[in-house]
PDB file of all heavy atoms in Angstrom:
ATOM      1  N   ALA A   1      95.223 104.455  84.325  1.00  0.00           N
ATOM      2  CA  ALA A   1      95.062 103.754  82.968  1.00  0.00           C
ATOM      3  C   ALA A   1      93.648 103.307  82.755  1.00  0.00           C
ATOM      4  O   ALA A   1      93.143 103.336  81.665  1.00  0.00           O
ATOM      5  CB  ALA A   1      96.106 102.670  82.861  1.00  0.00           C
ATOM      6  N   GLU A   2      93.072 102.764  83.818  1.00  0.00           N
ATOM      7  CA  GLU A   2      91.695 102.188  83.671  1.00  0.00           C
ATOM      8  C   GLU A   2      90.622 103.231  83.705  1.00  0.00           C
ATOM      9  O   GLU A   2      89.518 103.106  83.067  1.00  0.00           O
ATOM     10  CB  GLU A   2      91.419 101.176  84.820  1.00  0.00           C
ATOM     11  CG  GLU A   2      92.298  99.922  84.768  1.00  0.00           C
ATOM     12  CD  GLU A   2      91.883  98.941  83.793  1.00  0.00           C
ATOM     13  OE1 GLU A   2      90.690  98.948  83.431  1.00  0.00           O
ATOM     14  OE2 GLU A   2      92.703  98.130  83.314  1.00  0.00           O
ATOM     15  N   ALA A   3      90.863 104.308  84.413  1.00  0.00           N
ATOM     16  CA  ALA A   3      89.765 105.368  84.570  1.00  0.00           C
ATOM     17  C   ALA A   3      90.391 106.770  84.511  1.00  0.00           C
ATOM     18  O   ALA A   3      90.427 107.480  85.475  1.00  0.00           O
ATOM     19  CB  ALA A   3      89.025 105.179  85.903  1.00  0.00           C
ATOM     20  N   PRO A   4      90.995 107.144  83.419  1.00  0.00           N
ATOM     21  CA  PRO A   4      91.700 108.409  83.325  1.00  0.00           C
ATOM     22  C   PRO A   4      90.870 109.636  83.666  1.00  0.00           C
ATOM     23  O   PRO A   4      91.306 110.588  84.189  1.00  0.00           O
ATOM     24  CB  PRO A   4      92.109 108.512  81.820  1.00  0.00           C
ATOM     25  CG  PRO A   4      91.314 107.461  81.115  1.00  0.00           C
ATOM     26  CD  PRO A   4      90.904 106.392  82.152  1.00  0.00           C
ATOM     27  N   LYS A   5      89.494 109.585  83.386  1.00  0.00           N
ATOM     28  CA  LYS A   5      88.703 110.796  83.651  1.00  0.00           C
ATOM     29  C   LYS A   5      88.488 110.941  85.118  1.00  0.00           C
ATOM     30  O   LYS A   5      88.053 112.027  85.642  1.00  0.00           O
ATOM     31  CB  LYS A   5      87.348 110.596  82.930  1.00  0.00           C
ATOM     32  CG  LYS A   5      87.450 110.679  81.372  1.00  0.00           C
ATOM     33  CD  LYS A   5      86.118 110.611  80.750  1.00  0.00           C
ATOM     34  CE  LYS A   5      86.199 110.661  79.213  1.00  0.00           C
ATOM     35  NZ  LYS A   5      84.839 110.625  78.585  1.00  0.00           N
ATOM     36  N   SER A   6      88.638 109.888  85.982  1.00  0.00           N
ATOM     37  CA  SER A   6      88.517 109.954  87.430  1.00  0.00           C
ATOM     38  C   SER A   6      89.735 110.302  88.128  1.00  0.00           C
ATOM     39  O   SER A   6      89.753 110.558  89.319  1.00  0.00           O
ATOM     40  CB  SER A   6      87.945 108.606  87.921  1.00  0.00           C
ATOM     41  OG  SER A   6      86.777 108.296  87.334  1.00  0.00           O
ATOM     42  N   ALA A   7      90.859 110.313  87.463  1.00  0.00           N
ATOM     43  CA  ALA A   7      92.212 110.511  88.144  1.00  0.00           C
ATOM     44  C   ALA A   7      92.256 111.848  88.819  1.00  0.00           C
ATOM     45  O   ALA A   7      92.742 112.024  89.935  1.00  0.00           O
ATOM     46  CB  ALA A   7      93.292 110.367  87.079  1.00  0.00           C
ATOM     47  N   GLU A   8      91.694 112.885  88.109  1.00  0.00           N
ATOM     48  CA  GLU A   8      91.748 114.311  88.811  1.00  0.00           C
ATOM     49  C   GLU A   8      90.817 114.363  89.935  1.00  0.00           C
ATOM     50  O   GLU A   8      91.196 114.949  90.985  1.00  0.00           O
ATOM     51  CB  GLU A   8      91.434 115.300  87.781  1.00  0.00           C
ATOM     52  CG  GLU A   8      91.576 116.719  88.330  1.00  0.00           C
ATOM     53  CD  GLU A   8      91.313 117.778  87.214  1.00  0.00           C
ATOM     54  OE1 GLU A   8      91.222 117.432  86.027  1.00  0.00           O
ATOM     55  OE2 GLU A   8      91.243 119.004  87.614  1.00  0.00           O
ATOM     56  N   THR A   9      89.686 113.715  89.882  1.00  0.00           N
ATOM     57  CA  THR A   9      88.698 113.753  90.967  1.00  0.00           C
ATOM     58  C   THR A   9      89.284 113.119  92.283  1.00  0.00           C
ATOM     59  O   THR A   9      89.154 113.670  93.341  1.00  0.00           O
ATOM     60  CB  THR A   9      87.426 112.914  90.588  1.00  0.00           C
ATOM     61  OG1 THR A   9      86.890 113.539  89.418  1.00  0.00           O
ATOM     62  CG2 THR A   9      86.435 112.847  91.743  1.00  0.00           C
ATOM     63  N   TYR A  10      90.063 112.055  92.068  1.00  0.00           N
ATOM     64  CA  TYR A  10      90.652 111.416  93.275  1.00  0.00           C
ATOM     65  C   TYR A  10      92.092 111.899  93.538  1.00  0.00           C
ATOM     66  O   TYR A  10      92.774 111.189  94.320  1.00  0.00           O
ATOM     67  CB  TYR A  10      90.639 109.914  92.986  1.00  0.00           C
ATOM     68  CG  TYR A  10      89.206 109.277  93.164  1.00  0.00           C
ATOM     69  CD1 TYR A  10      88.392 109.180  92.007  1.00  0.00           C
ATOM     70  CD2 TYR A  10      88.754 108.829  94.339  1.00  0.00           C
ATOM     71  CE1 TYR A  10      87.084 108.726  92.172  1.00  0.00           C
ATOM     72  CE2 TYR A  10      87.457 108.333  94.488  1.00  0.00           C
ATOM     73  CZ  TYR A  10      86.634 108.327  93.369  1.00  0.00           C
ATOM     74  OH  TYR A  10      85.410 107.821  93.439  1.00  0.00           O
ATOM     75  N   GLN A  11      92.512 112.919  92.831  1.00  0.00           N
ATOM     76  CA  GLN A  11      93.831 113.541  93.080  1.00  0.00           C
ATOM     77  C   GLN A  11      94.922 112.464  93.060  1.00  0.00           C
ATOM     78  O   GLN A  11      95.817 112.423  93.915  1.00  0.00           O
ATOM     79  CB  GLN A  11      93.810 114.291  94.385  1.00  0.00           C
ATOM     80  CG  GLN A  11      92.835 115.349  94.393  1.00  0.00           C
ATOM     81  CD  GLN A  11      92.898 116.366  95.653  1.00  0.00           C
ATOM     82  OE1 GLN A  11      93.349 115.879  96.648  1.00  0.00           O
ATOM     83  NE2 GLN A  11      92.311 117.507  95.629  1.00  0.00           N
ATOM     84  N   VAL A  12      94.905 111.604  92.031  1.00  0.00           N
ATOM     85  CA  VAL A  12      95.835 110.447  91.984  1.00  0.00           C
ATOM     86  C   VAL A  12      97.310 110.954  91.847  1.00  0.00           C
ATOM     87  O   VAL A  12      98.172 110.308  92.483  1.00  0.00           O
ATOM     88  CB  VAL A  12      95.419 109.432  90.851  1.00  0.00           C
ATOM     89  CG1 VAL A  12      96.415 108.337  90.790  1.00  0.00           C
ATOM     90  CG2 VAL A  12      94.026 108.987  91.118  1.00  0.00           C
ATOM     91  N   LEU A  13      97.511 111.911  91.031  1.00  0.00           N
ATOM     92  CA  LEU A  13      98.866 112.381  90.848  1.00  0.00           C
ATOM     93  C   LEU A  13      99.520 112.872  92.242  1.00  0.00           C
ATOM     94  O   LEU A  13     100.701 112.665  92.508  1.00  0.00           O
ATOM     95  CB  LEU A  13      99.001 113.591  89.821  1.00  0.00           C
ATOM     96  CG  LEU A  13      98.739 113.061  88.421  1.00  0.00           C
ATOM     97  CD1 LEU A  13      98.742 114.336  87.433  1.00  0.00           C
ATOM     98  CD2 LEU A  13      99.785 112.095  87.904  1.00  0.00           C
ATOM     99  N   ASN A  14      98.615 113.518  93.060  1.00  0.00           N
ATOM    100  CA  ASN A  14      99.063 113.975  94.369  1.00  0.00           C
ATOM    101  C   ASN A  14      99.393 112.758  95.213  1.00  0.00           C
ATOM    102  O   ASN A  14     100.357 112.783  96.043  1.00  0.00           O
ATOM    103  CB  ASN A  14      98.069 114.795  94.989  1.00  0.00           C
ATOM    104  CG  ASN A  14      98.566 115.594  96.219  1.00  0.00           C
ATOM    105  OD1 ASN A  14      99.682 116.161  96.165  1.00  0.00           O
ATOM    106  ND2 ASN A  14      97.847 115.603  97.219  1.00  0.00           N
ATOM    107  N   GLU A  15      98.631 111.697  95.155  1.00  0.00           N
ATOM    108  CA  GLU A  15      98.793 110.442  95.936  1.00  0.00           C
ATOM    109  C   GLU A  15     100.119 109.792  95.536  1.00  0.00           C
ATOM    110  O   GLU A  15     100.915 109.345  96.340  1.00  0.00           O
ATOM    111  CB  GLU A  15      97.705 109.501  95.740  1.00  0.00           C
ATOM    112  CG  GLU A  15      96.322 109.955  96.175  1.00  0.00           C
ATOM    113  CD  GLU A  15      96.131 110.021  97.680  1.00  0.00           C
ATOM    114  OE1 GLU A  15      97.075 109.658  98.387  1.00  0.00           O
ATOM    115  OE2 GLU A  15      95.082 110.473  98.177  1.00  0.00           O
ATOM    116  N   ILE A  16     100.416 109.797  94.244  1.00  0.00           N
ATOM    117  CA  ILE A  16     101.693 109.170  93.715  1.00  0.00           C
ATOM    118  C   ILE A  16     102.843 109.997  94.228  1.00  0.00           C
ATOM    119  O   ILE A  16     103.852 109.432  94.627  1.00  0.00           O
ATOM    120  CB  ILE A  16     101.687 109.101  92.181  1.00  0.00           C
ATOM    121  CG1 ILE A  16     100.592 108.085  91.654  1.00  0.00           C
ATOM    122  CG2 ILE A  16     103.045 108.820  91.640  1.00  0.00           C
ATOM    123  CD1 ILE A  16     100.476 108.018  90.197  1.00  0.00           C
ATOM    124  N   GLN A  17     102.736 111.357  94.253  1.00  0.00           N
ATOM    125  CA  GLN A  17     103.844 112.149  94.687  1.00  0.00           C
ATOM    126  C   GLN A  17     104.027 111.945  96.207  1.00  0.00           C
ATOM    127  O   GLN A  17     105.184 111.839  96.656  1.00  0.00           O
ATOM    128  CB  GLN A  17     103.565 113.617  94.442  1.00  0.00           C
ATOM    129  CG  GLN A  17     104.719 114.540  94.809  1.00  0.00           C
ATOM    130  CD  GLN A  17     105.995 114.236  94.082  1.00  0.00           C
ATOM    131  OE1 GLN A  17     106.027 114.148  92.890  1.00  0.00           O
ATOM    132  NE2 GLN A  17     107.083 113.995  94.915  1.00  0.00           N
ATOM    133  N   ALA A  18     103.032 111.719  96.940  1.00  0.00           N
ATOM    134  CA  ALA A  18     103.079 111.510  98.419  1.00  0.00           C
ATOM    135  C   ALA A  18     103.839 110.152  98.656  1.00  0.00           C
ATOM    136  O   ALA A  18     104.577 110.073  99.536  1.00  0.00           O
ATOM    137  CB  ALA A  18     101.629 111.419  98.942  1.00  0.00           C
ATOM    138  N   CYS A  19     103.633 109.171  97.824  1.00  0.00           N
ATOM    139  CA  CYS A  19     104.272 107.865  97.910  1.00  0.00           C
ATOM    140  C   CYS A  19     105.811 108.118  97.638  1.00  0.00           C
ATOM    141  O   CYS A  19     106.639 107.496  98.357  1.00  0.00           O
ATOM    142  CB  CYS A  19     103.727 106.883  96.938  1.00  0.00           C
ATOM    143  SG  CYS A  19     102.085 106.191  97.415  1.00  0.00           S
ATOM    144  N   ARG A  20     106.099 108.913  96.630  1.00  0.00           N
ATOM    145  CA  ARG A  20     107.540 109.217  96.394  1.00  0.00           C
ATOM    146  C   ARG A  20     108.161 109.936  97.513  1.00  0.00           C
ATOM    147  O   ARG A  20     109.344 109.698  97.834  1.00  0.00           O
ATOM    148  CB  ARG A  20     107.571 109.881  95.021  1.00  0.00           C
ATOM    149  CG  ARG A  20     107.304 109.012  93.851  1.00  0.00           C
ATOM    150  CD  ARG A  20     107.261 109.781  92.549  1.00  0.00           C
ATOM    151  NE  ARG A  20     106.990 108.884  91.408  1.00  0.00           N
ATOM    152  CZ  ARG A  20     106.361 109.195  90.278  1.00  0.00           C
ATOM    153  NH1 ARG A  20     105.970 110.451  90.119  1.00  0.00           N
ATOM    154  NH2 ARG A  20     106.137 108.301  89.344  1.00  0.00           N
ATOM    155  N   ASN A  21     107.400 110.917  98.097  1.00  0.00           N
ATOM    156  CA  ASN A  21     107.938 111.591  99.214  1.00  0.00           C
ATOM    157  C   ASN A  21     108.142 110.612 100.373  1.00  0.00           C
ATOM    158  O   ASN A  21     109.187 110.702 101.134  1.00  0.00           O
ATOM    159  CB  ASN A  21     106.943 112.643  99.629  1.00  0.00           C
ATOM    160  CG  ASN A  21     106.766 113.770  98.648  1.00  0.00           C
ATOM    161  OD1 ASN A  21     107.634 114.000  97.777  1.00  0.00           O
ATOM    162  ND2 ASN A  21     105.726 114.472  98.726  1.00  0.00           N
ATOM    163  N   GLY A  22     107.268 109.668 100.583  1.00  0.00           N
ATOM    164  CA  GLY A  22     107.409 108.692 101.591  1.00  0.00           C
ATOM    165  C   GLY A  22     108.614 107.919 101.384  1.00  0.00           C
ATOM    166  O   GLY A  22     109.315 107.552 102.369  1.00  0.00           O
ATOM    167  N   GLN A  23     108.935 107.417 100.190  1.00  0.00           N
ATOM    168  CA  GLN A  23     110.134 106.667  99.898  1.00  0.00           C
ATOM    169  C   GLN A  23     111.348 107.495 100.296  1.00  0.00           C
ATOM    170  O   GLN A  23     112.322 106.927 100.926  1.00  0.00           O
ATOM    171  CB  GLN A  23     110.136 106.333  98.409  1.00  0.00           C
ATOM    172  CG  GLN A  23     109.144 105.282  97.982  1.00  0.00           C
ATOM    173  CD  GLN A  23     109.129 105.072  96.503  1.00  0.00           C
ATOM    174  OE1 GLN A  23     109.224 106.005  95.724  1.00  0.00           O
ATOM    175  NE2 GLN A  23     108.971 103.851  96.085  1.00  0.00           N
ATOM    176  N   ASN A  24     111.292 108.756 100.008  1.00  0.00           N
ATOM    177  CA  ASN A  24     112.581 109.606 100.375  1.00  0.00           C
ATOM    178  C   ASN A  24     112.614 109.796 101.948  1.00  0.00           C
ATOM    179  O   ASN A  24     113.748 109.779 102.428  1.00  0.00           O
ATOM    180  CB  ASN A  24     112.420 110.959  99.679  1.00  0.00           C
ATOM    181  CG  ASN A  24     112.552 110.869  98.216  1.00  0.00           C
ATOM    182  OD1 ASN A  24     113.200 110.039  97.659  1.00  0.00           O
ATOM    183  ND2 ASN A  24     111.912 111.823  97.483  1.00  0.00           N
ATOM    184  N   LEU A  25     111.469 109.977 102.557  1.00  0.00           N
ATOM    185  CA  LEU A  25     111.473 110.165 103.971  1.00  0.00           C
ATOM    186  C   LEU A  25     111.841 108.875 104.794  1.00  0.00           C
ATOM    187  O   LEU A  25     112.209 109.020 105.950  1.00  0.00           O
ATOM    188  CB  LEU A  25     110.153 110.692 104.456  1.00  0.00           C
ATOM    189  CG  LEU A  25     109.813 112.145 103.987  1.00  0.00           C
ATOM    190  CD1 LEU A  25     108.359 112.409 104.216  1.00  0.00           C
ATOM    191  CD2 LEU A  25     110.623 113.144 104.721  1.00  0.00           C
ATOM    192  N   LEU A  26     111.798 107.822 104.144  1.00  0.00           N
ATOM    193  CA  LEU A  26     112.154 106.528 104.956  1.00  0.00           C
ATOM    194  C   LEU A  26     113.521 106.555 105.403  1.00  0.00           C
ATOM    195  O   LEU A  26     113.922 105.889 106.356  1.00  0.00           O
ATOM    196  CB  LEU A  26     111.879 105.282 103.983  1.00  0.00           C
ATOM    197  CG  LEU A  26     110.501 104.739 103.835  1.00  0.00           C
ATOM    198  CD1 LEU A  26     110.403 103.737 102.793  1.00  0.00           C
ATOM    199  CD2 LEU A  26     109.990 104.177 105.149  1.00  0.00           C
ATOM    200  N   SER A  27     114.379 107.359 104.774  1.00  0.00           N
ATOM    201  CA  SER A  27     115.760 107.433 105.108  1.00  0.00           C
ATOM    202  C   SER A  27     116.009 108.284 106.395  1.00  0.00           C
ATOM    203  O   SER A  27     117.102 108.370 106.992  1.00  0.00           O
ATOM    204  CB  SER A  27     116.657 107.912 104.054  1.00  0.00           C
ATOM    205  OG  SER A  27     116.248 109.252 103.718  1.00  0.00           O
ATOM    206  N   ASN A  28     114.984 108.937 106.841  1.00  0.00           N
ATOM    207  CA  ASN A  28     115.114 109.893 107.963  1.00  0.00           C
ATOM    208  C   ASN A  28     114.282 109.459 109.198  1.00  0.00           C
ATOM    209  O   ASN A  28     113.778 110.280 109.984  1.00  0.00           O
ATOM    210  CB  ASN A  28     114.626 111.309 107.540  1.00  0.00           C
ATOM    211  CG  ASN A  28     115.491 111.858 106.430  1.00  0.00           C
ATOM    212  OD1 ASN A  28     116.660 111.732 106.504  1.00  0.00           O
ATOM    213  ND2 ASN A  28     114.805 112.583 105.501  1.00  0.00           N
ATOM    214  N   ILE A  29     114.178 108.142 109.459  1.00  0.00           N
ATOM    215  CA  ILE A  29     113.370 107.672 110.537  1.00  0.00           C
ATOM    216  C   ILE A  29     114.009 108.012 111.814  1.00  0.00           C
ATOM    217  O   ILE A  29     115.204 107.857 112.037  1.00  0.00           O
ATOM    218  CB  ILE A  29     113.108 106.125 110.505  1.00  0.00           C
ATOM    219  CG1 ILE A  29     112.325 105.827 109.219  1.00  0.00           C
ATOM    220  CG2 ILE A  29     112.511 105.638 111.718  1.00  0.00           C
ATOM    221  CD1 ILE A  29     112.081 104.272 109.027  1.00  0.00           C
ATOM    222  N   LYS A  30     113.295 108.540 112.776  1.00  0.00           N
ATOM    223  CA  LYS A  30     113.676 108.905 114.093  1.00  0.00           C
ATOM    224  C   LYS A  30     112.815 108.306 115.085  1.00  0.00           C
ATOM    225  O   LYS A  30     111.686 107.845 114.862  1.00  0.00           O
ATOM    226  CB  LYS A  30     113.697 110.457 114.279  1.00  0.00           C
ATOM    227  CG  LYS A  30     114.627 111.186 113.333  1.00  0.00           C
ATOM    228  CD  LYS A  30     114.576 112.689 113.617  1.00  0.00           C
ATOM    229  CE  LYS A  30     115.489 113.468 112.696  1.00  0.00           C
ATOM    230  NZ  LYS A  30     115.129 113.286 111.250  1.00  0.00           N
ATOM    231  N   GLU A  31     113.360 108.188 116.349  1.00  0.00           N
ATOM    232  CA  GLU A  31     112.487 107.581 117.403  1.00  0.00           C
ATOM    233  C   GLU A  31     111.620 108.656 118.063  1.00  0.00           C
ATOM    234  O   GLU A  31     112.076 109.824 118.166  1.00  0.00           O
ATOM    235  CB  GLU A  31     113.464 107.016 118.438  1.00  0.00           C
ATOM    236  CG  GLU A  31     114.261 105.745 117.931  1.00  0.00           C
ATOM    237  CD  GLU A  31     113.291 104.613 117.527  1.00  0.00           C
ATOM    238  OE1 GLU A  31     112.319 104.434 118.222  1.00  0.00           O
ATOM    239  OE2 GLU A  31     113.703 103.949 116.583  1.00  0.00           O
ATOM    240  N   VAL A  32     110.479 108.281 118.428  1.00  0.00           N
ATOM    241  CA  VAL A  32     109.639 109.212 119.211  1.00  0.00           C
ATOM    242  C   VAL A  32     108.983 108.304 120.382  1.00  0.00           C
ATOM    243  O   VAL A  32     108.512 107.187 120.181  1.00  0.00           O
ATOM    244  CB  VAL A  32     108.527 109.812 118.356  1.00  0.00           C
ATOM    245  CG1 VAL A  32     107.628 108.724 117.701  1.00  0.00           C
ATOM    246  CG2 VAL A  32     107.672 110.769 119.247  1.00  0.00           C
ATOM    247  N   VAL A  33     109.093 108.881 121.587  1.00  0.00           N
ATOM    248  CA  VAL A  33     108.627 108.106 122.688  1.00  0.00           C
ATOM    249  C   VAL A  33     107.176 108.527 123.012  1.00  0.00           C
ATOM    250  O   VAL A  33     106.879 109.644 123.313  1.00  0.00           O
ATOM    251  CB  VAL A  33     109.565 108.421 123.937  1.00  0.00           C
ATOM    252  CG1 VAL A  33     108.954 107.662 125.196  1.00  0.00           C
ATOM    253  CG2 VAL A  33     110.938 108.070 123.685  1.00  0.00           C
ATOM    254  N   VAL A  34     106.190 107.555 123.001  1.00  0.00           N
ATOM    255  CA  VAL A  34     104.802 107.798 123.251  1.00  0.00           C
ATOM    256  C   VAL A  34     104.626 107.747 124.837  1.00  0.00           C
ATOM    257  O   VAL A  34     104.806 106.715 125.369  1.00  0.00           O
ATOM    258  CB  VAL A  34     103.941 106.777 122.569  1.00  0.00           C
ATOM    259  CG1 VAL A  34     102.486 107.086 122.921  1.00  0.00           C
ATOM    260  CG2 VAL A  34     104.155 106.926 121.038  1.00  0.00           C
ATOM    261  N   VAL A  35     104.258 108.884 125.365  1.00  0.00           N
ATOM    262  CA  VAL A  35     103.996 108.934 126.758  1.00  0.00           C
ATOM    263  C   VAL A  35     102.571 108.520 127.073  1.00  0.00           C
ATOM    264  O   VAL A  35     102.393 107.861 128.053  1.00  0.00           O
ATOM    265  CB  VAL A  35     104.205 110.390 127.314  1.00  0.00           C
ATOM    266  CG1 VAL A  35     103.910 110.479 128.780  1.00  0.00           C
ATOM    267  CG2 VAL A  35     105.678 110.828 127.085  1.00  0.00           C
ATOM    268  N   ASP A  36     101.637 108.873 126.259  1.00  0.00           N
ATOM    269  CA  ASP A  36     100.251 108.596 126.448  1.00  0.00           C
ATOM    270  C   ASP A  36      99.470 108.577 125.074  1.00  0.00           C
ATOM    271  O   ASP A  36      99.982 109.277 124.141  1.00  0.00           O
ATOM    272  CB  ASP A  36      99.629 109.583 127.380  1.00  0.00           C
ATOM    273  CG  ASP A  36      98.230 109.109 127.886  1.00  0.00           C
ATOM    274  OD1 ASP A  36      97.980 107.961 127.818  1.00  0.00           O
ATOM    275  OD2 ASP A  36      97.466 109.959 128.474  1.00  0.00           O
ATOM    276  N   LYS A  37      98.472 107.779 125.004  1.00  0.00           N
ATOM    277  CA  LYS A  37      97.673 107.714 123.765  1.00  0.00           C
ATOM    278  C   LYS A  37      96.236 107.460 124.157  1.00  0.00           C
ATOM    279  O   LYS A  37      95.949 106.517 124.918  1.00  0.00           O
ATOM    280  CB  LYS A  37      98.204 106.543 122.960  1.00  0.00           C
ATOM    281  CG  LYS A  37      97.298 106.147 121.721  1.00  0.00           C
ATOM    282  CD  LYS A  37      97.884 104.873 121.075  1.00  0.00           C
ATOM    283  CE  LYS A  37      96.911 104.283 120.071  1.00  0.00           C
ATOM    284  NZ  LYS A  37      97.448 102.926 119.538  1.00  0.00           N
ATOM    285  N   LYS A  38      95.332 108.325 123.712  1.00  0.00           N
ATOM    286  CA  LYS A  38      93.953 108.233 124.068  1.00  0.00           C
ATOM    287  C   LYS A  38      93.127 108.290 122.782  1.00  0.00           C
ATOM    288  O   LYS A  38      93.446 109.028 121.827  1.00  0.00           O
ATOM    289  CB  LYS A  38      93.561 109.371 125.023  1.00  0.00           C
ATOM    290  CG  LYS A  38      94.270 109.229 126.355  1.00  0.00           C
ATOM    291  CD  LYS A  38      93.744 110.382 127.279  1.00  0.00           C
ATOM    292  CE  LYS A  38      94.465 110.295 128.666  1.00  0.00           C
ATOM    293  NZ  LYS A  38      94.036 111.394 129.613  1.00  0.00           N
ATOM    294  N   GLN A  39      92.024 107.523 122.842  1.00  0.00           N
ATOM    295  CA  GLN A  39      91.052 107.621 121.667  1.00  0.00           C
ATOM    296  C   GLN A  39      89.959 108.609 121.899  1.00  0.00           C
ATOM    297  O   GLN A  39      89.593 108.867 123.025  1.00  0.00           O
ATOM    298  CB  GLN A  39      90.430 106.138 121.525  1.00  0.00           C
ATOM    299  CG  GLN A  39      89.552 105.998 120.314  1.00  0.00           C
ATOM    300  CD  GLN A  39      89.115 104.579 120.234  1.00  0.00           C
ATOM    301  OE1 GLN A  39      89.888 103.723 120.212  1.00  0.00           O
ATOM    302  NE2 GLN A  39      87.776 104.372 120.031  1.00  0.00           N
ATOM    303  N   SER A  40      89.495 109.197 120.828  1.00  0.00           N
ATOM    304  CA  SER A  40      88.436 110.217 120.863  1.00  0.00           C
ATOM    305  C   SER A  40      87.651 110.184 119.566  1.00  0.00           C
ATOM    306  O   SER A  40      88.118 109.683 118.540  1.00  0.00           O
ATOM    307  CB  SER A  40      89.156 111.576 121.035  1.00  0.00           C
ATOM    308  OG  SER A  40      88.187 112.660 120.928  1.00  0.00           O
ATOM    309  N   THR A  41      86.490 110.819 119.646  1.00  0.00           N
ATOM    310  CA  THR A  41      85.715 111.088 118.434  1.00  0.00           C
ATOM    311  C   THR A  41      86.411 112.199 117.703  1.00  0.00           C
ATOM    312  O   THR A  41      87.171 113.070 118.228  1.00  0.00           O
ATOM    313  CB  THR A  41      84.266 111.491 118.743  1.00  0.00           C
ATOM    314  OG1 THR A  41      84.343 112.670 119.568  1.00  0.00           O
ATOM    315  CG2 THR A  41      83.576 110.374 119.454  1.00  0.00           C
ATOM    316  N   ALA A  42      86.318 112.211 116.381  1.00  0.00           N
ATOM    317  CA  ALA A  42      87.056 113.256 115.518  1.00  0.00           C
ATOM    318  C   ALA A  42      86.593 114.656 115.908  1.00  0.00           C
ATOM    319  O   ALA A  42      87.459 115.607 115.629  1.00  0.00           O
ATOM    320  CB  ALA A  42      86.772 112.932 114.067  1.00  0.00           C
TER     321      ALA A  42
END
């Protein structure tokens, strides 16, 4: 609403859809056992 011309640049509609997907996926939480975790450069 504040910056409509920038919405496409920042793919805001896709971000909103991702949030809605996240809301739906919250009902499917499963356990995963972490055996090891290491930090690295990208």
